[in-house]
Each structure stands twice: as structure tokens, then as C-alpha cells.
Protein backbone atom coordinates (compact mmCIF):
# COMPACT_ATOMS: atom_id res chain seq x y z
CA MET A 1 -48.03 54.32 30.94
CA ILE A 2 -45.23 56.92 30.56
CA THR A 3 -43.38 56.71 33.95
CA LYS A 4 -42.62 53.73 36.16
CA SER A 5 -40.26 54.84 38.90
CA ILE A 6 -41.40 57.51 41.21
CA TYR A 7 -38.04 59.25 40.67
CA GLU A 8 -38.78 59.83 36.91
CA LEU A 9 -41.66 62.01 37.80
CA GLU A 10 -39.72 65.31 38.85
CA SER A 11 -37.88 65.72 35.57
CA LYS A 12 -40.80 64.74 33.58
CA ALA A 13 -43.20 67.27 35.40
CA ASN A 14 -40.43 69.90 35.09
CA THR A 15 -40.53 69.37 31.34
CA VAL A 16 -44.25 69.35 31.12
CA PHE A 17 -44.89 72.43 33.18
CA THR A 18 -42.02 74.45 31.38
CA GLY A 19 -43.79 73.60 28.08
CA PHE A 20 -47.11 75.18 29.46
CA GLY A 21 -45.38 78.40 30.00
CA TYR A 22 -45.62 78.51 33.70
CA SER A 23 -43.28 81.18 35.46
CA GLU A 24 -40.11 80.13 37.00
CA SER A 25 -41.61 80.58 40.48
CA ALA A 26 -44.68 78.53 39.59
CA ILE A 27 -42.59 75.67 38.25
CA ARG A 28 -40.44 75.72 41.29
CA GLY A 29 -43.47 75.68 43.52
CA LYS A 30 -45.07 72.74 41.56
CA CYS A 31 -41.69 70.70 41.48
CA LEU A 32 -41.51 71.16 45.35
CA GLU A 33 -44.97 69.44 45.50
CA VAL A 34 -43.65 66.73 43.34
CA ARG A 35 -40.84 66.02 45.43
CA ARG A 36 -43.26 65.87 48.60
CA HIS A 37 -44.96 63.03 46.65
CA ILE A 38 -41.79 61.26 46.05
CA LYS A 39 -40.84 61.49 49.79
CA PHE A 40 -44.43 60.31 50.57
CA HIS A 41 -43.72 57.35 48.50
CA ILE A 42 -40.34 56.53 49.74
CA GLU A 43 -41.35 56.79 53.47
CA ARG A 44 -43.91 54.10 52.72
CA GLY A 45 -41.20 51.86 51.04
CA VAL A 46 -42.72 52.33 47.49
CA GLU A 47 -40.50 53.15 44.70
CA GLN A 48 -43.15 52.60 41.72
CA PHE A 49 -45.78 55.29 41.04
CA ASP A 50 -48.87 54.45 43.15
CA LYS A 51 -51.96 56.50 42.53
CA ASN A 52 -53.59 55.38 45.86
CA LEU A 53 -50.68 56.83 47.61
CA VAL A 54 -51.30 60.05 45.74
CA ASP A 55 -54.98 59.91 46.89
CA GLU A 56 -53.79 59.25 50.44
CA TYR A 57 -51.48 62.33 50.31
CA VAL A 58 -54.30 64.48 49.11
CA LYS A 59 -56.66 63.17 51.92
CA SER A 60 -53.82 64.06 54.45
CA GLN A 61 -53.73 67.71 53.11
CA GLU A 62 -57.44 67.95 53.30
CA ALA A 63 -57.28 66.94 56.86
CA ARG A 64 -54.56 69.61 57.53
CA TYR A 65 -56.76 72.20 55.94
CA GLN A 66 -59.76 71.16 58.19
CA THR A 67 -57.60 71.64 61.20
CA GLY A 68 -56.41 75.13 59.93
CA LYS A 69 -52.77 73.98 59.39
CA ILE A 70 -52.79 75.06 55.76
CA GLY A 71 -54.86 77.58 53.83
CA ARG A 72 -57.47 76.95 51.21
CA GLY A 73 -55.19 78.34 48.47
CA LEU A 74 -52.51 75.83 49.26
CA LEU A 75 -54.94 72.83 49.36
CA LEU A 76 -56.36 73.63 46.04
CA MET A 77 -52.68 73.92 44.52
CA ARG A 78 -51.72 70.43 45.96
CA ILE A 79 -54.96 68.95 44.75
CA LYS A 80 -54.39 70.27 41.30
CA THR A 81 -50.70 69.21 41.25
CA ALA A 82 -51.76 65.63 42.34
CA GLU A 83 -54.22 65.61 39.37
CA HIS A 84 -51.39 66.75 37.09
CA LEU A 85 -49.09 64.00 38.38
CA ILE A 86 -51.49 61.33 37.73
CA GLN A 87 -51.94 62.66 34.08
CA ILE A 88 -48.25 62.98 33.61
CA HIS A 89 -47.67 59.45 34.84
CA GLU A 90 -50.45 58.06 32.48
CA THR A 91 -50.25 60.10 29.41
CA GLY A 92 -46.98 62.04 29.72
CA THR A 93 -48.61 65.45 29.68
CA VAL A 94 -51.52 67.43 31.22
CA VAL A 95 -54.85 68.59 29.92
CA ASN A 96 -55.22 72.35 30.57
CA LYS A 97 -58.83 72.31 31.50
CA HIS A 98 -59.02 75.89 32.17
CA HIS A 99 -58.69 76.70 28.50
CA SER A 100 -59.94 73.72 26.77
CA ASN A 101 -63.66 74.51 26.79
CA LEU A 102 -63.48 78.22 25.98
CA PRO A 103 -65.39 79.31 22.86
CA GLU A 104 -63.58 80.67 19.85
CA LEU A 105 -63.96 84.26 19.53
CA PRO A 106 -64.75 86.11 16.30
CA HIS A 107 -61.71 87.43 14.40
CA GLY A 108 -62.18 91.09 15.34
CA PHE A 109 -62.17 90.40 19.09
CA ASN A 110 -58.90 88.24 18.77
CA GLU A 111 -57.32 91.24 16.76
CA ILE A 112 -57.97 93.72 19.64
CA LEU A 113 -56.59 90.97 22.16
CA SER A 114 -53.38 90.64 20.15
CA ASP A 115 -53.12 94.52 19.93
CA ILE A 116 -53.22 94.54 23.72
CA LEU A 117 -50.52 92.09 24.14
CA ALA A 118 -48.43 94.01 21.52
CA ASN A 119 -48.90 97.30 23.22
CA ASN A 120 -45.51 98.68 24.08
CA GLU A 121 -46.78 101.38 26.42
CA TRP A 122 -48.13 98.87 29.01
CA ASN A 123 -45.73 96.52 31.20
CA THR A 124 -45.98 92.72 30.74
CA LYS A 125 -48.06 92.22 34.01
CA PHE A 126 -50.64 94.87 33.13
CA LYS A 127 -51.02 93.64 29.50
CA LYS A 128 -51.69 90.15 30.83
CA LEU A 129 -54.19 91.36 33.25
CA GLN A 130 -55.95 93.52 30.67
CA HIS A 131 -55.82 90.81 28.04
CA ASN A 132 -57.48 88.30 30.53
CA ARG A 133 -60.33 90.70 31.64
CA THR A 134 -61.01 91.86 28.01
CA GLY A 135 -61.14 88.22 26.86
CA THR A 136 -63.75 87.51 29.52
CA PHE A 137 -65.79 90.64 28.45
CA PHE A 138 -65.54 89.53 24.70
CA ARG A 139 -66.74 85.88 25.59
CA TRP A 140 -69.76 87.57 27.24
CA LEU A 141 -70.59 89.76 24.39
CA ASN A 142 -70.04 86.76 22.08
CA SER A 143 -72.52 84.67 23.99
CA ARG A 144 -75.09 87.53 23.51
CA GLY A 145 -74.80 87.77 19.74
CA HIS A 146 -72.12 90.41 19.46
CA SER A 147 -69.28 89.66 16.76
CA ASP A 148 -67.66 93.00 17.27
CA LEU A 149 -67.90 96.22 19.18
CA ARG A 150 -70.15 98.28 16.77
CA ARG A 151 -73.36 97.84 18.71
CA VAL A 152 -71.79 97.90 22.13
CA ASP A 153 -72.65 101.05 23.99
CA GLU A 154 -73.04 102.09 27.65
CA ASN A 155 -76.19 100.20 28.02
CA VAL A 156 -74.50 96.83 26.92
CA VAL A 157 -71.43 97.79 29.23
CA ARG A 158 -73.80 98.46 31.96
CA ASP A 159 -75.68 95.03 31.48
CA TYR A 160 -72.20 93.44 31.67
CA LEU A 161 -71.46 95.04 34.88
CA VAL A 162 -74.69 94.13 36.49
CA ASP A 163 -73.93 90.59 35.58
CA CYS A 164 -70.50 90.75 37.00
CA SER A 165 -71.84 92.24 40.22
CA THR A 166 -73.82 88.88 40.93
CA ARG A 167 -70.15 87.13 41.00
CA VAL A 168 -67.75 89.56 42.30
CA VAL A 169 -67.92 92.66 44.74
CA GLY A 170 -65.69 95.36 46.02
CA LYS A 171 -62.32 95.72 44.73
CA SER A 172 -62.63 93.06 42.01
CA LEU A 173 -65.65 94.74 40.45
CA ASN A 174 -63.79 98.04 40.62
CA GLU A 175 -60.89 96.22 38.70
CA ILE A 176 -63.25 94.97 36.05
CA ILE A 177 -64.67 98.68 35.61
CA ARG A 178 -61.11 99.95 35.28
CA SER A 179 -60.13 97.33 32.82
CA LEU A 180 -63.12 98.10 30.55
CA LYS A 181 -62.38 101.74 30.81
CA ASN A 182 -58.81 101.13 29.65
CA LEU A 183 -60.23 98.82 26.73
CA PHE A 184 -62.50 101.59 25.27
CA LEU A 185 -59.74 104.23 25.75
CA PHE A 186 -57.38 101.86 23.89
CA ILE A 187 -59.46 101.26 20.92
CA SER A 188 -60.75 104.99 20.71
CA GLU A 189 -59.22 106.72 17.92
CA THR A 190 -59.20 109.95 19.99
CA GLY A 191 -58.30 108.44 23.08
CA GLU A 192 -61.26 109.92 24.89
CA LEU A 193 -64.59 108.51 25.70
CA SER A 194 -68.12 109.63 25.13
CA GLU A 195 -69.92 111.57 27.88
CA GLN A 196 -72.23 108.66 28.64
CA MET A 197 -69.48 106.14 28.73
CA ASN A 198 -67.38 108.17 30.81
CA ARG A 199 -70.21 108.76 33.39
CA LEU A 200 -70.50 105.10 33.48
CA PHE A 201 -66.83 104.44 34.35
CA LEU A 202 -67.07 106.92 37.33
CA PHE A 203 -69.06 104.51 39.31
CA LYS A 204 -67.21 102.95 42.10
CA ALA A 205 -68.17 99.77 43.96
CA ARG A 206 -68.16 99.90 47.77
CA VAL A 207 -65.21 98.28 49.26
CA ASP A 208 -65.18 97.04 52.87
CA ASN A 209 -61.59 97.52 54.00
CA LYS A 210 -60.83 94.36 56.08
CA ILE A 211 -58.10 94.71 58.73
CA GLU A 212 -55.68 91.92 58.04
CA PRO A 213 -53.64 90.56 60.92
CA PHE A 214 -50.39 92.41 61.73
CA MET A 215 -47.31 91.13 63.55
CA PRO A 216 -46.62 93.01 66.81
CA GLN A 217 -43.29 94.49 67.38
CA ASN A 218 -42.79 92.04 70.44
CA GLU A 219 -43.62 89.11 68.15
CA ILE A 220 -41.16 90.33 65.29
CA ALA A 221 -38.49 90.52 68.02
CA ALA A 222 -39.12 86.92 69.38
CA VAL A 223 -38.87 85.80 65.74
CA LEU A 224 -35.52 87.49 65.06
CA ASN A 225 -34.16 86.28 68.36
CA VAL A 226 -34.73 82.55 67.71
CA ILE A 227 -32.83 82.54 64.30
CA ASP A 228 -29.65 80.77 64.48
CA ARG A 229 -27.27 83.33 62.79
CA ASN A 230 -24.33 80.84 62.68
CA THR A 231 -25.77 79.00 59.80
CA MET A 232 -26.12 80.05 56.09
CA GLN A 233 -29.93 79.85 56.20
CA GLY A 234 -30.06 81.80 59.45
CA LYS A 235 -28.12 84.59 58.14
CA ARG A 236 -30.26 84.75 54.98
CA ASP A 237 -33.50 84.46 56.88
CA TYR A 238 -32.49 86.96 59.64
CA ALA A 239 -31.55 89.52 56.90
CA ILE A 240 -34.92 89.05 55.03
CA ILE A 241 -37.20 89.24 58.06
CA LEU A 242 -35.46 92.28 59.39
CA LEU A 243 -35.43 93.97 55.93
CA ALA A 244 -39.18 93.39 55.85
CA ALA A 245 -39.98 94.43 59.26
CA VAL A 246 -37.93 97.54 58.95
CA THR A 247 -38.77 98.74 55.56
CA GLY A 248 -42.14 97.17 54.85
CA LEU A 249 -41.02 95.82 51.55
CA ARG A 250 -43.29 93.26 50.05
CA GLY A 251 -42.19 89.74 49.74
CA ILE A 252 -42.13 89.86 45.87
CA ASP A 253 -39.96 92.92 45.97
CA ILE A 254 -37.53 91.22 48.48
CA ILE A 255 -37.35 88.17 46.24
CA GLU A 256 -36.51 90.54 43.22
CA LEU A 257 -33.82 92.50 45.08
CA THR A 258 -30.61 92.77 43.25
CA PHE A 259 -27.23 94.11 43.96
CA ASP A 260 -27.88 97.10 41.92
CA SER A 261 -30.98 97.73 44.13
CA ILE A 262 -28.76 98.86 46.97
CA ASP A 263 -26.70 102.13 47.06
CA TRP A 264 -24.36 101.33 49.80
CA ARG A 265 -22.64 104.56 49.52
CA ASN A 266 -25.92 106.84 50.13
CA GLY A 267 -27.46 104.21 52.35
CA GLU A 268 -30.57 103.60 50.17
CA ILE A 269 -32.64 100.92 48.75
CA LYS A 270 -33.92 101.67 45.15
CA ILE A 271 -36.41 99.46 43.50
CA THR A 272 -39.34 99.50 40.95
CA GLN A 273 -42.02 97.88 42.69
CA GLU A 274 -43.40 94.70 41.15
CA LYS A 275 -47.06 95.11 42.27
CA THR A 276 -47.31 98.71 41.13
CA ASN A 277 -44.53 99.27 38.65
CA THR A 278 -43.47 102.47 40.36
CA ALA A 279 -40.18 103.58 41.61
CA LEU A 280 -39.51 103.55 45.48
CA ALA A 281 -36.46 104.73 47.55
CA LEU A 282 -36.08 103.72 51.15
CA PRO A 283 -33.31 104.42 53.69
CA LEU A 284 -31.05 101.44 54.35
CA THR A 285 -30.73 101.46 58.10
CA THR A 286 -27.34 100.48 59.79
CA ASP A 287 -28.96 97.15 61.23
CA VAL A 288 -30.45 96.02 58.02
CA GLY A 289 -27.38 96.87 56.11
CA LYS A 290 -25.19 94.83 58.36
CA ALA A 291 -27.40 91.92 58.23
CA ILE A 292 -27.49 91.90 54.43
CA GLU A 293 -23.77 92.34 54.34
CA GLU A 294 -23.09 89.60 56.68
CA TYR A 295 -25.33 87.10 54.46
CA ILE A 296 -23.64 88.37 51.16
CA LEU A 297 -20.01 87.92 52.50
CA SER A 298 -20.34 84.78 54.55
CA ALA A 299 -23.36 82.82 53.59
CA ARG A 300 -24.72 83.68 49.89
CA PRO A 301 -23.68 80.87 47.50
CA CYS A 302 -21.47 81.96 44.60
CA CYS A 303 -23.35 82.00 41.39
CA ASP A 304 -24.01 84.26 38.23
CA THR A 305 -27.49 85.65 39.10
CA ASN A 306 -27.74 89.14 40.34
CA LYS A 307 -30.51 88.34 42.73
CA ILE A 308 -29.42 88.83 46.37
CA PHE A 309 -31.44 86.18 48.37
CA LEU A 310 -30.99 82.66 47.08
CA ALA A 311 -32.05 79.13 47.86
CA ILE A 312 -29.69 77.41 50.03
CA ASN A 313 -29.33 74.21 47.91
CA ALA A 314 -28.25 73.99 44.32
CA PRO A 315 -29.40 75.13 41.69
CA TYR A 316 -29.10 78.43 43.35
CA ARG A 317 -32.20 80.23 42.25
CA SER A 318 -34.00 83.15 43.71
CA ILE A 319 -35.81 82.33 47.11
CA THR A 320 -39.53 81.80 46.56
CA ASN A 321 -42.78 83.32 48.10
CA TYR A 322 -43.54 79.90 49.57
CA ALA A 323 -40.09 79.71 51.38
CA LEU A 324 -40.64 83.05 52.71
CA TYR A 325 -43.94 82.11 54.37
CA ASN A 326 -42.67 78.69 55.39
CA ASN A 327 -39.53 79.99 57.04
CA LEU A 328 -41.41 82.68 58.89
CA LYS A 329 -44.06 80.11 60.05
CA LYS A 330 -41.17 77.83 61.25
CA TYR A 331 -39.55 80.54 63.32
CA ARG A 332 -42.78 81.58 64.80
CA ASN A 333 -43.32 78.00 65.97
CA LYS A 334 -39.88 77.93 67.38
CA ALA A 335 -40.52 81.11 69.31
CA GLY A 336 -43.82 79.70 70.79
CA LEU A 337 -46.05 82.05 68.80
CA ILE A 338 -49.20 80.17 68.03
CA SER A 339 -51.34 82.40 65.57
CA LYS A 340 -50.91 82.20 61.98
CA MET A 341 -49.20 85.14 60.29
CA GLY A 342 -48.31 85.37 56.61
CA PHE A 343 -45.07 87.06 55.38
CA HIS A 344 -47.18 90.23 54.53
CA SER A 345 -47.84 90.70 58.20
CA LEU A 346 -44.44 92.10 58.61
CA ARG A 347 -45.37 94.93 56.25
CA ARG A 348 -48.66 95.36 58.15
CA GLY A 349 -46.73 95.45 61.45
CA LEU A 350 -44.67 98.37 60.31
CA ALA A 351 -47.59 100.29 59.17
CA THR A 352 -49.28 99.75 62.41
CA SER A 353 -46.33 100.74 64.43
CA MET A 354 -45.90 104.01 62.45
CA VAL A 355 -49.51 104.97 62.77
CA THR A 356 -49.78 104.37 66.32
CA SER A 357 -46.50 106.34 66.96
CA GLY A 358 -48.19 109.25 65.48
CA VAL A 359 -46.75 109.21 61.85
CA SER A 360 -49.23 110.79 59.34
CA VAL A 361 -51.05 108.18 57.14
CA ILE A 362 -49.74 110.04 54.11
CA THR A 363 -45.99 109.53 55.27
CA VAL A 364 -46.86 105.76 55.94
CA ALA A 365 -48.40 105.55 52.53
CA GLN A 366 -45.15 107.05 51.01
CA MET A 367 -42.97 104.85 53.04
CA LEU A 368 -44.84 101.66 51.91
CA GLY A 369 -44.80 102.80 48.17
CA GLN A 370 -48.54 103.09 48.03
CA LYS A 371 -50.08 105.30 45.25
CA THR A 372 -52.85 106.43 47.40
CA ILE A 373 -53.72 106.57 51.21
CA GLU A 374 -56.63 104.29 50.87
CA SER A 375 -54.68 101.15 51.56
CA THR A 376 -53.31 102.77 54.71
CA LYS A 377 -56.29 104.40 56.28
CA PRO A 378 -57.50 101.00 57.83
CA TYR A 379 -54.69 101.04 60.21
CA ILE A 380 -55.99 104.28 62.03
CA SER A 381 -58.77 102.10 63.64
CA LEU A 382 -56.09 99.82 65.14
CA ASP A 383 -54.67 102.59 67.25
CA SER A 384 -57.52 102.26 70.04
CA ARG A 385 -55.35 103.86 72.76
CA ASN A 386 -54.73 107.05 70.92
CA LEU A 387 -58.39 107.08 69.76
CA LYS A 388 -59.47 106.98 73.15
CA GLU A 389 -57.42 109.94 74.09
CA CYS A 390 -58.88 112.01 71.27
CA ALA A 391 -62.53 111.24 72.51
CA LEU A 392 -64.35 114.26 73.37
CA ASP A 393 -65.09 114.82 77.22
CA PHE A 394 -68.85 115.40 77.64
CA GLY A 395 -68.55 115.55 81.44
CA ASP A 396 -69.18 119.29 81.78
CA ILE A 397 -72.34 119.14 79.60
CA PRO A 398 -75.72 118.47 81.48
CA GLY A 399 -76.42 114.87 81.12
CA GLY A 400 -73.04 114.39 79.27
CA ASP A 401 -71.94 111.58 81.66
CA MET A 402 -74.83 109.54 80.34
CA LEU A 403 -73.55 109.94 76.73
């Protein structure tokens, strides 16, 4: 037994998770879960680690999931963290089951994977995705007797895509196709593909664009009205939610926002988007600018980091995605709004509002920093009132009133 007191778990877990190479935000999220377990023990008057209490906590979260209070992703994360806590308590470390049973790849495949990670023309996030998807493809090839790419042609790749289509659909399948094309372009000496292979990668899987929930303007106003702007947290949260609602910035871009991102003199916000790695410039409106200014001058903790939005308590790190969601949920409850909305619903709310106000889809896509208008098109169908006005009048056509 490595730990005895429940209080020892947080520092031990932090060390273990750091050693496994988790990102800072992932470590913060996991350590927050550890603190929940500590609190769960303390509330029951127990200071020694008790596996039964860990199981009880997990069951309470499963009950919350069944009643719709938390999502499946959060539930799975809490179950996995609970498993890790038990392992840390008993052995001092965790077994990374995700990677432990993967077969060893032939040397040639491993060399290509190493070259992908060493490619300086791709950013870190893209290289990681390309490395993971290529590794999955190589393991599939290896299981079918391929030790290199010499006998891999369009027919083999087509068989792989057919196999993938039984497990994934839509956007996920298109991403696999794109990653395979990137792979073969990467290893091609000429930087081009054969005619047969190029035709194969022109195939696109059908994608059903699901309309995710968006937050209406009246609900956004209700949320902003219940925030207590006399507190440090209130000033921060008001600035964040107003910023997201007015600019449509993604939560991850707000988290990464630095002092260098804001051009106060010219009234602009300039960032490189985390999701697309593309530059985006947005107007800094007066109300948003004042809200951010008030937070920086009278509520933001003094520390060395260049990030604007920080945690309230020390150590003063960047605010997390979980905190963005949790705080918005808290204010929605306070405002008496029942339906569940994620932080991204603020971005969707802006897009919907712009489309229903007559702004072109192209302009909306540019405002949101989207590379194409495909992600914006679904919002057109939300404007039922204007669509009805555009409907053709068949009244003067014989029998038209029956259409």
C-alpha cells in the first residue's frame, strides 16, 4: 500500500499524471476529480483511503448520468479517474491499458511514424493526430501480413476504408481518408499521388449536419444579468461570457487569450485559432473591452503568466474548459433556465442570431473563423420565420391552394 491518508492522494496523483505526459489542462481536470474524492471521504468522516467510498462515489455519478445531470463523457472520465486512484493507492502508479496491449510494429513503420513527429512543416496538434491515425492504419496492415508499404496499393487502402466504415461514419471517416492522403503525400518522393490513388481519396463520406442547441439572445441576457460583478469571479465570468456571446470565440481560444492578443489602440482581438491554426482578427466592441478591462484592473490576480483569464485561487493558472462549462451552468441555474447548454452554445447563438438577422452565411463563417461555410450552413434552417416569408405563393395557380 503506497498511500494511507486520503490527503496524500492529490500530490501523488499529480506526480503520476505528470509522469505520463498528460497536458496541463488534463492534469488540472484529473486533480480536481481527486479533490472531489477527498471531499467525499471527509464529508463521511473518513481520512483513510477507502475503496468502498470510491465505489460509492462512482455509483453516485452513474445515478447523476441516468437523470441527465452529467454527460457520458464526464461520467467516463470520473470512472477512469476512480480506477487510477485505486491503482495509485495500491501500487503508486497506474497501468496505461490503452497502450499496453498494442502490437509491436515493424521497423519500417516505426521509422515513418518517427518522421511524422519530426516534420517541422506541421504543428504539434496536427502531427499528433496524423501520428495516431497513421499508427492505427499501420497496425491494420501489420495484422494482414504487411511489414512495409511496398505492396500497399489503392485496393489495400480501399479495403481498409471499407473496414473503417463499419466502425465510423461521416466526419470521422472523412478525417481518416484525409489522414491517409496526407500519409501517402508525405512519403511520396515527388509529393504527388498516382492517378488511381488520387481518385480514391476524392471520395467523401456523407455527413449529416446535426443542429446542436444554441443559446437564444434572451437567455444570454438573463445569464449576464444574474452575475455578481462586485466579486472577482463575477467580473471574470461576466467578461468571458460576454466575450464569447459577442465575438463567437471558442472556449479554447478564450482560455489561451493573452495580453498580446488584444490591440487596444485599434480595437481588435487577434489570435491564431487553436482548432484550425489559422489567424483571426475580430473587432473589440466597447462593452466587451470595458468588461475585460474591469477584470484585468480590479479582479485579475497578479502573477507572471501572460494569459488573461485565470483561476480565482492560487496557483493562478489559466481557467479550464471544465470551469467555463461549469460556471455557465451555474449562472443558467441561477437565472432559472432549465435546459442544458454547453459553453459552445454561445458561439452557436451568435451564428444563429447573425443568420436570422440577414447576414450572409459567408460573412458569418468569416466572423467565426471557419475555413469553409459548411459548418455555418446548418444555421440557415433555424430561421423558420424568414424561410416562411421566402416561400412561393401558389394562390394564383389553379389548384395552388391545395399545394
